Amino acid sequence: MKTTIELPDGMFRHAKALAAARGVTLRRFFTEALEAQLRRCGTETHDSEPPWMAGFGALSDLSEENRRVLDAIEEEFERLTAEDLE
């Protein structure tokens, strides 16, 4: 899901610098920060497995693999320039 948020300029620059220092995309940085905050508040995140997943045994491990693949695809798309998209 995509959304737009407003951040103070200084906070945005700081987040962008930290993400670059950690070698992650800004999108990944914000996602991880929000996930950590939600865990602290005791709110489940989208990574929580639904109860029915236990019935699928080994297939429950695929959620992590799917996440890795989607993250790799997302990072590649973020590298695209406007010229690449034409």
Protein backbone atom coordinates (compact mmCIF):
# COMPACT_ATOMS: atom_id res chain seq x y z
CA MET A 1 0.00 0.00 0.00
CA LYS A 2 1.25 3.46 -0.79
CA THR A 3 0.61 6.55 1.29
CA THR A 4 1.94 10.06 1.68
CA ILE A 5 3.18 11.49 4.95
CA GLU A 6 4.60 14.87 5.89
CA LEU A 7 7.86 14.96 7.81
CA PRO A 8 9.96 17.88 8.97
CA ASP A 9 12.84 18.43 6.52
CA GLY A 10 15.49 17.74 9.15
CA MET A 11 13.89 14.47 10.18
CA PHE A 12 13.64 13.34 6.57
CA ARG A 13 17.33 14.13 5.91
CA HIS A 14 18.35 12.34 9.11
CA ALA A 15 16.30 9.23 8.20
CA LYS A 16 17.69 9.22 4.66
CA ALA A 17 21.27 9.44 5.99
CA LEU A 18 20.68 6.63 8.50
CA ALA A 19 19.12 4.41 5.85
CA ALA A 20 22.09 4.99 3.53
CA ALA A 21 24.55 4.29 6.36
CA ARG A 22 22.79 0.99 7.05
CA GLY A 23 22.65 0.09 3.37
CA VAL A 24 18.87 -0.12 3.18
CA THR A 25 16.32 1.76 1.14
CA LEU A 26 14.45 4.62 2.73
CA ARG A 27 11.24 2.64 2.30
CA ARG A 28 12.74 -0.32 4.16
CA PHE A 29 14.07 1.99 6.88
CA PHE A 30 10.62 3.50 7.50
CA THR A 31 8.92 0.09 7.37
CA GLU A 32 11.29 -1.34 9.98
CA ALA A 33 10.93 1.73 12.19
CA LEU A 34 7.15 1.54 12.07
CA GLU A 35 7.18 -2.22 12.72
CA ALA A 36 9.37 -1.65 15.81
CA GLN A 37 7.01 1.04 17.08
CA LEU A 38 3.97 -1.18 16.53
CA ARG A 39 5.64 -4.02 18.45
CA ARG A 40 6.37 -1.66 21.35
CA CYS A 41 2.69 -0.69 21.40
CA GLY A 42 1.66 -4.35 21.42
CA THR A 43 0.02 -4.12 18.00
CA GLU A 44 0.39 -7.01 15.61
CA THR A 45 2.05 -6.27 12.28
CA HIS A 46 1.42 -7.75 8.84
CA ASP A 47 4.21 -10.27 9.56
CA SER A 48 2.09 -12.12 12.13
CA GLU A 49 0.96 -15.44 10.77
CA PRO A 50 -2.77 -16.03 10.68
CA PRO A 51 -3.96 -18.98 12.78
CA TRP A 52 -4.78 -21.10 9.72
CA MET A 53 -1.11 -20.99 8.58
CA ALA A 54 -0.14 -23.60 11.19
CA GLY A 55 -2.11 -26.18 9.22
CA PHE A 56 0.19 -25.83 6.23
CA GLY A 57 3.35 -27.09 7.97
CA ALA A 58 6.45 -26.38 5.89
CA LEU A 59 4.60 -23.84 3.75
CA SER A 60 4.62 -21.42 6.69
CA ASP A 61 8.33 -20.83 5.98
CA LEU A 62 7.50 -19.42 2.55
CA SER A 63 6.29 -16.12 4.02
CA GLU A 64 9.89 -15.13 4.85
CA GLU A 65 11.10 -16.19 1.40
CA ASN A 66 8.30 -14.24 -0.25
CA ARG A 67 9.27 -11.19 1.80
CA ARG A 68 12.92 -11.48 0.70
CA VAL A 69 11.90 -11.77 -2.95
CA LEU A 70 9.51 -8.81 -2.73
CA ASP A 71 12.17 -6.72 -0.97
CA ALA A 72 14.67 -7.51 -3.74
CA ILE A 73 12.15 -6.54 -6.41
CA GLU A 74 11.28 -3.35 -4.53
CA GLU A 75 14.94 -2.36 -4.27
CA GLU A 76 15.46 -2.88 -7.98
CA PHE A 77 12.45 -0.73 -8.85
CA GLU A 78 13.74 2.02 -6.57
CA ARG A 79 16.96 2.07 -8.61
CA LEU A 80 15.10 2.77 -11.83
CA THR A 81 15.34 6.28 -13.17
CA ALA A 82 12.57 8.08 -15.02
CA GLU A 83 14.46 7.34 -18.25
CA ASP A 84 14.38 3.60 -17.52
CA LEU A 85 10.60 3.72 -17.18
CA GLU A 86 9.99 5.25 -20.61
